[in-house]
Amino acid sequence: MAGPVKRSVTIAGHQTSITLEPLFWDALRVAAAKAALPLNALIAQIDVLRIASADPPNLASAIRLWLFAHARDTLDGDCSNIVDCDNYSQ
């Protein structure tokens, strides 16, 4: 298993670094492609959901949680739009 990889992304005009395991980077790229979004745009949308939560986790954790919720909802057939998934929760 490969260790975490740090990447720089731009969210709302600000550069930030995110450290994720390669498996999560791959899943995030697939989710962005399926939504026809640039990777940074999907991360920005996940960040908006993160900030809106009562007790926001760090961004890397929010991405992992979002990917898990997306995978769960996709398997259950409950969520057809990965960006505005009503079942997203933390």
PDB file of N, CA and C in Angstrom:
ATOM      1  N   MET A   1       0.834  -1.176   0.000  1.00  0.00           N
ATOM      2  CA  MET A   1       0.000   0.000   0.000  1.00  0.00           C
ATOM      3  C   MET A   1       0.884   1.247   0.000  1.00  0.00           C
ATOM      4  N   ALA A   2       0.565   2.172  -0.882  1.00  0.00           N
ATOM      5  CA  ALA A   2       1.339   3.408  -0.980  1.00  0.00           C
ATOM      6  C   ALA A   2       0.925   4.383   0.113  1.00  0.00           C
ATOM      7  N   GLY A   3       1.879   5.174   0.535  1.00  0.00           N
ATOM      8  CA  GLY A   3       1.620   6.175   1.561  1.00  0.00           C
ATOM      9  C   GLY A   3       0.887   7.382   1.000  1.00  0.00           C
ATOM     10  N   PRO A   4       0.474   8.281   1.891  1.00  0.00           N
ATOM     11  CA  PRO A   4      -0.262   9.481   1.472  1.00  0.00           C
ATOM     12  C   PRO A   4       0.541  10.345   0.502  1.00  0.00           C
ATOM     13  N   VAL A   5      -0.201  11.039  -0.369  1.00  0.00           N
ATOM     14  CA  VAL A   5       0.386  11.936  -1.365  1.00  0.00           C
ATOM     15  C   VAL A   5      -0.186  13.326  -1.138  1.00  0.00           C
ATOM     16  N   LYS A   6       0.706  14.316  -1.066  1.00  0.00           N
ATOM     17  CA  LYS A   6       0.274  15.705  -0.874  1.00  0.00           C
ATOM     18  C   LYS A   6       0.184  16.382  -2.234  1.00  0.00           C
ATOM     19  N   ARG A   7      -0.946  17.054  -2.466  1.00  0.00           N
ATOM     20  CA  ARG A   7      -1.151  17.794  -3.714  1.00  0.00           C
ATOM     21  C   ARG A   7      -1.661  19.185  -3.375  1.00  0.00           C
ATOM     22  N   SER A   8      -1.303  20.132  -4.224  1.00  0.00           N
ATOM     23  CA  SER A   8      -1.813  21.497  -4.083  1.00  0.00           C
ATOM     24  C   SER A   8      -3.037  21.661  -4.959  1.00  0.00           C
ATOM     25  N   VAL A   9      -4.060  22.289  -4.404  1.00  0.00           N
ATOM     26  CA  VAL A   9      -5.285  22.585  -5.144  1.00  0.00           C
ATOM     27  C   VAL A   9      -5.674  24.030  -4.867  1.00  0.00           C
ATOM     28  N   THR A  10      -6.471  24.575  -5.770  1.00  0.00           N
ATOM     29  CA  THR A  10      -6.973  25.940  -5.588  1.00  0.00           C
ATOM     30  C   THR A  10      -8.468  25.865  -5.315  1.00  0.00           C
ATOM     31  N   ILE A  11      -8.868  26.434  -4.184  1.00  0.00           N
ATOM     32  CA  ILE A  11     -10.271  26.471  -3.783  1.00  0.00           C
ATOM     33  C   ILE A  11     -10.643  27.918  -3.534  1.00  0.00           C
ATOM     34  N   ALA A  12     -11.638  28.391  -4.244  1.00  0.00           N
ATOM     35  CA  ALA A  12     -12.109  29.772  -4.096  1.00  0.00           C
ATOM     36  C   ALA A  12     -10.946  30.766  -4.204  1.00  0.00           C
ATOM     37  N   GLY A  13     -10.047  30.493  -5.147  1.00  0.00           N
ATOM     38  CA  GLY A  13      -8.930  31.405  -5.383  1.00  0.00           C
ATOM     39  C   GLY A  13      -7.770  31.273  -4.414  1.00  0.00           C
ATOM     40  N   HIS A  14      -7.854  30.331  -3.480  1.00  0.00           N
ATOM     41  CA  HIS A  14      -6.784  30.142  -2.496  1.00  0.00           C
ATOM     42  C   HIS A  14      -6.141  28.779  -2.685  1.00  0.00           C
ATOM     43  N   GLN A  15      -4.824  28.775  -2.679  1.00  0.00           N
ATOM     44  CA  GLN A  15      -4.089  27.523  -2.813  1.00  0.00           C
ATOM     45  C   GLN A  15      -3.999  26.838  -1.446  1.00  0.00           C
ATOM     46  N   THR A  16      -4.234  25.526  -1.429  1.00  0.00           N
ATOM     47  CA  THR A  16      -4.116  24.750  -0.207  1.00  0.00           C
ATOM     48  C   THR A  16      -3.550  23.382  -0.561  1.00  0.00           C
ATOM     49  N   SER A  17      -2.988  22.719   0.415  1.00  0.00           N
ATOM     50  CA  SER A  17      -2.460  21.374   0.208  1.00  0.00           C
ATOM     51  C   SER A  17      -3.377  20.360   0.861  1.00  0.00           C
ATOM     52  N   ILE A  18      -3.564  19.239   0.187  1.00  0.00           N
ATOM     53  CA  ILE A  18      -4.376  18.154   0.716  1.00  0.00           C
ATOM     54  C   ILE A  18      -3.540  16.889   0.633  1.00  0.00           C
ATOM     55  N   THR A  19      -3.534  16.134   1.708  1.00  0.00           N
ATOM     56  CA  THR A  19      -2.802  14.872   1.743  1.00  0.00           C
ATOM     57  C   THR A  19      -3.807  13.727   1.820  1.00  0.00           C
ATOM     58  N   LEU A  20      -3.779  12.882   0.794  1.00  0.00           N
ATOM     59  CA  LEU A  20      -4.672  11.725   0.721  1.00  0.00           C
ATOM     60  C   LEU A  20      -3.882  10.519   0.214  1.00  0.00           C
ATOM     61  N   GLU A  21      -4.359   9.338   0.536  1.00  0.00           N
ATOM     62  CA  GLU A  21      -3.788   8.127  -0.004  1.00  0.00           C
ATOM     63  C   GLU A  21      -4.135   8.061  -1.493  1.00  0.00           C
ATOM     64  N   PRO A  22      -3.261   7.419  -2.298  1.00  0.00           N
ATOM     65  CA  PRO A  22      -3.515   7.343  -3.745  1.00  0.00           C
ATOM     66  C   PRO A  22      -4.898   6.791  -4.103  1.00  0.00           C
ATOM     67  N   LEU A  23      -5.396   5.846  -3.350  1.00  0.00           N
ATOM     68  CA  LEU A  23      -6.729   5.294  -3.590  1.00  0.00           C
ATOM     69  C   LEU A  23      -7.793   6.394  -3.562  1.00  0.00           C
ATOM     70  N   PHE A  24      -7.686   7.319  -2.606  1.00  0.00           N
ATOM     71  CA  PHE A  24      -8.653   8.410  -2.510  1.00  0.00           C
ATOM     72  C   PHE A  24      -8.480   9.416  -3.636  1.00  0.00           C
ATOM     73  N   TRP A  25      -7.223   9.710  -4.027  1.00  0.00           N
ATOM     74  CA  TRP A  25      -7.007  10.604  -5.170  1.00  0.00           C
ATOM     75  C   TRP A  25      -7.631  10.004  -6.425  1.00  0.00           C
ATOM     76  N   ASP A  26      -7.441   8.695  -6.625  1.00  0.00           N
ATOM     77  CA  ASP A  26      -8.022   8.031  -7.801  1.00  0.00           C
ATOM     78  C   ASP A  26      -9.548   8.108  -7.777  1.00  0.00           C
ATOM     79  N   ALA A  27     -10.146   7.810  -6.629  1.00  0.00           N
ATOM     80  CA  ALA A  27     -11.606   7.852  -6.508  1.00  0.00           C
ATOM     81  C   ALA A  27     -12.137   9.265  -6.729  1.00  0.00           C
ATOM     82  N   LEU A  28     -11.409  10.246  -6.243  1.00  0.00           N
ATOM     83  CA  LEU A  28     -11.820  11.646  -6.416  1.00  0.00           C
ATOM     84  C   LEU A  28     -11.763  12.042  -7.888  1.00  0.00           C
ATOM     85  N   ARG A  29     -10.719  11.620  -8.591  1.00  0.00           N
ATOM     86  CA  ARG A  29     -10.616  11.907 -10.029  1.00  0.00           C
ATOM     87  C   ARG A  29     -11.757  11.246 -10.805  1.00  0.00           C
ATOM     88  N   VAL A  30     -12.103  10.031 -10.463  1.00  0.00           N
ATOM     89  CA  VAL A  30     -13.210   9.328 -11.124  1.00  0.00           C
ATOM     90  C   VAL A  30     -14.522  10.063 -10.862  1.00  0.00           C
ATOM     91  N   ALA A  31     -14.759  10.451  -9.618  1.00  0.00           N
ATOM     92  CA  ALA A  31     -15.996  11.166  -9.267  1.00  0.00           C
ATOM     93  C   ALA A  31     -16.083  12.493 -10.008  1.00  0.00           C
ATOM     94  N   ALA A  32     -14.968  13.209 -10.109  1.00  0.00           N
ATOM     95  CA  ALA A  32     -14.952  14.487 -10.830  1.00  0.00           C
ATOM     96  C   ALA A  32     -15.248  14.265 -12.312  1.00  0.00           C
ATOM     97  N   ALA A  33     -14.645  13.244 -12.885  1.00  0.00           N
ATOM     98  CA  ALA A  33     -14.882  12.956 -14.304  1.00  0.00           C
ATOM     99  C   ALA A  33     -16.341  12.588 -14.559  1.00  0.00           C
ATOM    100  N   LYS A  34     -16.927  11.779 -13.682  1.00  0.00           N
ATOM    101  CA  LYS A  34     -18.333  11.395 -13.846  1.00  0.00           C
ATOM    102  C   LYS A  34     -19.261  12.590 -13.729  1.00  0.00           C
ATOM    103  N   ALA A  35     -18.854  13.574 -12.933  1.00  0.00           N
ATOM    104  CA  ALA A  35     -19.662  14.784 -12.763  1.00  0.00           C
ATOM    105  C   ALA A  35     -19.308  15.848 -13.800  1.00  0.00           C
ATOM    106  N   ALA A  36     -18.354  15.542 -14.677  1.00  0.00           N
ATOM    107  CA  ALA A  36     -17.880  16.494 -15.690  1.00  0.00           C
ATOM    108  C   ALA A  36     -17.390  17.786 -15.050  1.00  0.00           C
ATOM    109  N   LEU A  37     -16.641  17.621 -13.966  1.00  0.00           N
ATOM    110  CA  LEU A  37     -16.084  18.761 -13.235  1.00  0.00           C
ATOM    111  C   LEU A  37     -14.566  18.648 -13.162  1.00  0.00           C
ATOM    112  N   PRO A  38     -13.887  19.787 -13.143  1.00  0.00           N
ATOM    113  CA  PRO A  38     -12.463  19.735 -12.822  1.00  0.00           C
ATOM    114  C   PRO A  38     -12.303  19.255 -11.372  1.00  0.00           C
ATOM    115  N   LEU A  39     -11.199  18.615 -11.083  1.00  0.00           N
ATOM    116  CA  LEU A  39     -10.948  18.118  -9.730  1.00  0.00           C
ATOM    117  C   LEU A  39     -11.084  19.219  -8.688  1.00  0.00           C
ATOM    118  N   ASN A  40     -10.506  20.393  -8.972  1.00  0.00           N
ATOM    119  CA  ASN A  40     -10.592  21.506  -8.010  1.00  0.00           C
ATOM    120  C   ASN A  40     -12.034  21.921  -7.743  1.00  0.00           C
ATOM    121  N   ALA A  41     -12.888  21.872  -8.761  1.00  0.00           N
ATOM    122  CA  ALA A  41     -14.293  22.262  -8.582  1.00  0.00           C
ATOM    123  C   ALA A  41     -15.020  21.280  -7.671  1.00  0.00           C
ATOM    124  N   LEU A  42     -14.759  19.987  -7.848  1.00  0.00           N
ATOM    125  CA  LEU A  42     -15.394  19.004  -6.974  1.00  0.00           C
ATOM    126  C   LEU A  42     -14.905  19.175  -5.540  1.00  0.00           C
ATOM    127  N   ILE A  43     -13.616  19.374  -5.367  1.00  0.00           N
ATOM    128  CA  ILE A  43     -13.068  19.591  -4.022  1.00  0.00           C
ATOM    129  C   ILE A  43     -13.689  20.842  -3.404  1.00  0.00           C
ATOM    130  N   ALA A  44     -13.868  21.893  -4.194  1.00  0.00           N
ATOM    131  CA  ALA A  44     -14.488  23.125  -3.687  1.00  0.00           C
ATOM    132  C   ALA A  44     -15.922  22.866  -3.231  1.00  0.00           C
ATOM    133  N   GLN A  45     -16.661  22.034  -3.965  1.00  0.00           N
ATOM    134  CA  GLN A  45     -18.038  21.729  -3.570  1.00  0.00           C
ATOM    135  C   GLN A  45     -18.066  20.891  -2.290  1.00  0.00           C
ATOM    136  N   ILE A  46     -17.126  19.973  -2.170  1.00  0.00           N
ATOM    137  CA  ILE A  46     -17.022  19.189  -0.931  1.00  0.00           C
ATOM    138  C   ILE A  46     -16.671  20.122   0.228  1.00  0.00           C
ATOM    139  N   ASP A  47     -15.814  21.102  -0.029  1.00  0.00           N
ATOM    140  CA  ASP A  47     -15.422  22.056   1.015  1.00  0.00           C
ATOM    141  C   ASP A  47     -16.612  22.885   1.484  1.00  0.00           C
ATOM    142  N   VAL A  48     -17.496  23.269   0.563  1.00  0.00           N
ATOM    143  CA  VAL A  48     -18.700  24.019   0.943  1.00  0.00           C
ATOM    144  C   VAL A  48     -19.568  23.180   1.880  1.00  0.00           C
ATOM    145  N   LEU A  49     -19.742  21.905   1.547  1.00  0.00           N
ATOM    146  CA  LEU A  49     -20.503  21.008   2.423  1.00  0.00           C
ATOM    147  C   LEU A  49     -19.828  20.865   3.784  1.00  0.00           C
ATOM    148  N   ARG A  50     -18.514  20.772   3.772  1.00  0.00           N
ATOM    149  CA  ARG A  50     -17.739  20.623   5.011  1.00  0.00           C
ATOM    150  C   ARG A  50     -17.939  21.831   5.921  1.00  0.00           C
ATOM    151  N   ILE A  51     -17.798  23.005   5.358  1.00  0.00           N
ATOM    152  CA  ILE A  51     -17.903  24.244   6.143  1.00  0.00           C
ATOM    153  C   ILE A  51     -19.304  24.412   6.716  1.00  0.00           C
ATOM    154  N   ALA A  52     -20.309  23.923   6.003  1.00  0.00           N
ATOM    155  CA  ALA A  52     -21.698  24.067   6.447  1.00  0.00           C
ATOM    156  C   ALA A  52     -22.060  23.120   7.590  1.00  0.00           C
ATOM    157  N   SER A  53     -21.228  22.128   7.863  1.00  0.00           N
ATOM    158  CA  SER A  53     -21.568  21.178   8.921  1.00  0.00           C
ATOM    159  C   SER A  53     -21.345  21.798  10.301  1.00  0.00           C
ATOM    160  N   ALA A  54     -22.025  21.259  11.278  1.00  0.00           N
ATOM    161  CA  ALA A  54     -21.973  21.807  12.636  1.00  0.00           C
ATOM    162  C   ALA A  54     -20.573  21.725  13.237  1.00  0.00           C
ATOM    163  N   ASP A  55     -19.863  20.651  12.978  1.00  0.00           N
ATOM    164  CA  ASP A  55     -18.516  20.461  13.511  1.00  0.00           C
ATOM    165  C   ASP A  55     -17.611  20.030  12.357  1.00  0.00           C
ATOM    166  N   PRO A  56     -17.148  21.009  11.541  1.00  0.00           N
ATOM    167  CA  PRO A  56     -16.433  20.666  10.317  1.00  0.00           C
ATOM    168  C   PRO A  56     -15.128  19.905  10.575  1.00  0.00           C
ATOM    169  N   PRO A  57     -14.931  18.784   9.867  1.00  0.00           N
ATOM    170  CA  PRO A  57     -13.657  18.083   9.946  1.00  0.00           C
ATOM    171  C   PRO A  57     -12.633  18.807   9.068  1.00  0.00           C
ATOM    172  N   ASN A  58     -11.390  18.371   9.096  1.00  0.00           N
ATOM    173  CA  ASN A  58     -10.419  18.960   8.173  1.00  0.00           C
ATOM    174  C   ASN A  58     -10.803  18.526   6.749  1.00  0.00           C
ATOM    175  N   LEU A  59     -10.243  19.202   5.757  1.00  0.00           N
ATOM    176  CA  LEU A  59     -10.656  18.978   4.381  1.00  0.00           C
ATOM    177  C   LEU A  59     -10.349  17.559   3.902  1.00  0.00           C
ATOM    178  N   ALA A  60      -9.195  17.019   4.242  1.00  0.00           N
ATOM    179  CA  ALA A  60      -8.860  15.654   3.822  1.00  0.00           C
ATOM    180  C   ALA A  60      -9.874  14.658   4.388  1.00  0.00           C
ATOM    181  N   SER A  61     -10.240  14.823   5.638  1.00  0.00           N
ATOM    182  CA  SER A  61     -11.249  13.936   6.243  1.00  0.00           C
ATOM    183  C   SER A  61     -12.597  14.111   5.565  1.00  0.00           C
ATOM    184  N   ALA A  62     -12.959  15.348   5.260  1.00  0.00           N
ATOM    185  CA  ALA A  62     -14.239  15.607   4.592  1.00  0.00           C
ATOM    186  C   ALA A  62     -14.272  14.937   3.214  1.00  0.00           C
ATOM    187  N   ILE A  63     -13.155  14.961   2.499  1.00  0.00           N
ATOM    188  CA  ILE A  63     -13.094  14.314   1.190  1.00  0.00           C
ATOM    189  C   ILE A  63     -13.275  12.806   1.346  1.00  0.00           C
ATOM    190  N   ARG A  64     -12.589  12.217   2.317  1.00  0.00           N
ATOM    191  CA  ARG A  64     -12.732  10.773   2.538  1.00  0.00           C
ATOM    192  C   ARG A  64     -14.178  10.415   2.896  1.00  0.00           C
ATOM    193  N   LEU A  65     -14.792  11.210   3.766  1.00  0.00           N
ATOM    194  CA  LEU A  65     -16.183  10.967   4.151  1.00  0.00           C
ATOM    195  C   LEU A  65     -17.118  11.117   2.962  1.00  0.00           C
ATOM    196  N   TRP A  66     -16.892  12.141   2.160  1.00  0.00           N
ATOM    197  CA  TRP A  66     -17.726  12.360   0.979  1.00  0.00           C
ATOM    198  C   TRP A  66     -17.598  11.193   0.005  1.00  0.00           C
ATOM    199  N   LEU A  67     -16.364  10.739  -0.231  1.00  0.00           N
ATOM    200  CA  LEU A  67     -16.152   9.611  -1.136  1.00  0.00           C
ATOM    201  C   LEU A  67     -16.829   8.345  -0.617  1.00  0.00           C
ATOM    202  N   PHE A  68     -16.752   8.124   0.683  1.00  0.00           N
ATOM    203  CA  PHE A  68     -17.414   6.953   1.270  1.00  0.00           C
ATOM    204  C   PHE A  68     -18.927   7.062   1.097  1.00  0.00           C
ATOM    205  N   ALA A  69     -19.488   8.240   1.405  1.00  0.00           N
ATOM    206  CA  ALA A  69     -20.933   8.443   1.265  1.00  0.00           C
ATOM    207  C   ALA A  69     -21.347   8.283  -0.199  1.00  0.00           C
ATOM    208  N   HIS A  70     -20.531   8.798  -1.102  1.00  0.00           N
ATOM    209  CA  HIS A  70     -20.836   8.671  -2.531  1.00  0.00           C
ATOM    210  C   HIS A  70     -20.822   7.206  -2.956  1.00  0.00           C
ATOM    211  N   ALA A  71     -19.829   6.462  -2.529  1.00  0.00           N
ATOM    212  CA  ALA A  71     -19.748   5.037  -2.874  1.00  0.00           C
ATOM    213  C   ALA A  71     -20.937   4.279  -2.289  1.00  0.00           C
ATOM    214  N   ARG A  72     -21.263   4.567  -1.043  1.00  0.00           N
ATOM    215  CA  ARG A  72     -22.410   3.912  -0.386  1.00  0.00           C
ATOM    216  C   ARG A  72     -23.697   4.222  -1.134  1.00  0.00           C
ATOM    217  N   ASP A  73     -23.905   5.486  -1.443  1.00  0.00           N
ATOM    218  CA  ASP A  73     -25.142   5.885  -2.106  1.00  0.00           C
ATOM    219  C   ASP A  73     -25.214   5.369  -3.537  1.00  0.00           C
ATOM    220  N   THR A  74     -24.084   5.295  -4.208  1.00  0.00           N
ATOM    221  CA  THR A  74     -24.053   4.756  -5.562  1.00  0.00           C
ATOM    222  C   THR A  74     -24.405   3.276  -5.535  1.00  0.00           C
ATOM    223  N   LEU A  75     -23.864   2.554  -4.572  1.00  0.00           N
ATOM    224  CA  LEU A  75     -24.177   1.134  -4.448  1.00  0.00           C
ATOM    225  C   LEU A  75     -25.634   0.906  -4.084  1.00  0.00           C
ATOM    226  N   ASP A  76     -26.178   1.787  -3.254  1.00  0.00           N
ATOM    227  CA  ASP A  76     -27.583   1.680  -2.860  1.00  0.00           C
ATOM    228  C   ASP A  76     -28.526   2.210  -3.933  1.00  0.00           C
ATOM    229  N   GLY A  77     -27.983   2.944  -4.903  1.00  0.00           N
ATOM    230  CA  GLY A  77     -28.824   3.528  -5.946  1.00  0.00           C
ATOM    231  C   GLY A  77     -29.611   4.729  -5.471  1.00  0.00           C
ATOM    232  N   ASP A  78     -29.197   5.322  -4.336  1.00  0.00           N
ATOM    233  CA  ASP A  78     -29.945   6.429  -3.739  1.00  0.00           C
ATOM    234  C   ASP A  78     -29.526   7.801  -4.247  1.00  0.00           C
ATOM    235  N   CYS A  79     -28.410   7.891  -4.934  1.00  0.00           N
ATOM    236  CA  CYS A  79     -27.870   9.210  -5.234  1.00  0.00           C
ATOM    237  C   CYS A  79     -27.422   9.283  -6.682  1.00  0.00           C
ATOM    238  N   SER A  80     -28.192   9.948  -7.514  1.00  0.00           N
ATOM    239  CA  SER A  80     -27.830  10.016  -8.922  1.00  0.00           C
ATOM    240  C   SER A  80     -26.936  11.206  -9.233  1.00  0.00           C
ATOM    241  N   ASN A  81     -26.943  12.235  -8.409  1.00  0.00           N
ATOM    242  CA  ASN A  81     -26.108  13.408  -8.655  1.00  0.00           C
ATOM    243  C   ASN A  81     -25.054  13.485  -7.560  1.00  0.00           C
ATOM    244  N   ILE A  82     -23.818  13.169  -7.897  1.00  0.00           N
ATOM    245  CA  ILE A  82     -22.791  13.072  -6.859  1.00  0.00           C
ATOM    246  C   ILE A  82     -22.431  14.409  -6.226  1.00  0.00           C
ATOM    247  N   VAL A  83     -22.737  15.509  -6.893  1.00  0.00           N
ATOM    248  CA  VAL A  83     -22.361  16.800  -6.349  1.00  0.00           C
ATOM    249  C   VAL A  83     -23.389  17.310  -5.335  1.00  0.00           C
ATOM    250  N   ASP A  84     -24.652  17.125  -5.612  1.00  0.00           N
ATOM    251  CA  ASP A  84     -25.704  17.632  -4.729  1.00  0.00           C
ATOM    252  C   ASP A  84     -26.422  16.500  -4.025  1.00  0.00           C
ATOM    253  N   CYS A  85     -25.686  15.533  -3.579  1.00  0.00           N
ATOM    254  CA  CYS A  85     -26.279  14.364  -2.944  1.00  0.00           C
ATOM    255  C   CYS A  85     -26.925  14.729  -1.609  1.00  0.00           C
ATOM    256  N   ASP A  86     -28.237  14.561  -1.533  1.00  0.00           N
ATOM    257  CA  ASP A  86     -28.960  14.901  -0.310  1.00  0.00           C
ATOM    258  C   ASP A  86     -28.570  13.985   0.850  1.00  0.00           C
ATOM    259  N   ASN A  87     -28.008  12.837   0.553  1.00  0.00           N
ATOM    260  CA  ASN A  87     -27.660  11.888   1.601  1.00  0.00           C
ATOM    261  C   ASN A  87     -26.272  12.120   2.180  1.00  0.00           C
ATOM    262  N   TYR A  88     -25.569  13.180   1.714  1.00  0.00           N
ATOM    263  CA  TYR A  88     -24.240  13.455   2.230  1.00  0.00           C
ATOM    264  C   TYR A  88     -24.357  13.822   3.700  1.00  0.00           C
ATOM    265  N   SER A  89     -23.603  13.155   4.527  1.00  0.00           N
ATOM    266  CA  SER A  89     -23.582  13.487   5.959  1.00  0.00           C
ATOM    267  C   SER A  89     -22.227  13.145   6.510  1.00  0.00           C
ATOM    268  N   GLN A  90     -21.955  13.722   7.656  1.00  0.00           N
ATOM    269  CA  GLN A  90     -20.657  13.484   8.272  1.00  0.00           C
ATOM    270  C   GLN A  90     -20.834  12.901   9.625  1.00  0.00           C
TER     271      GLN A  90
END
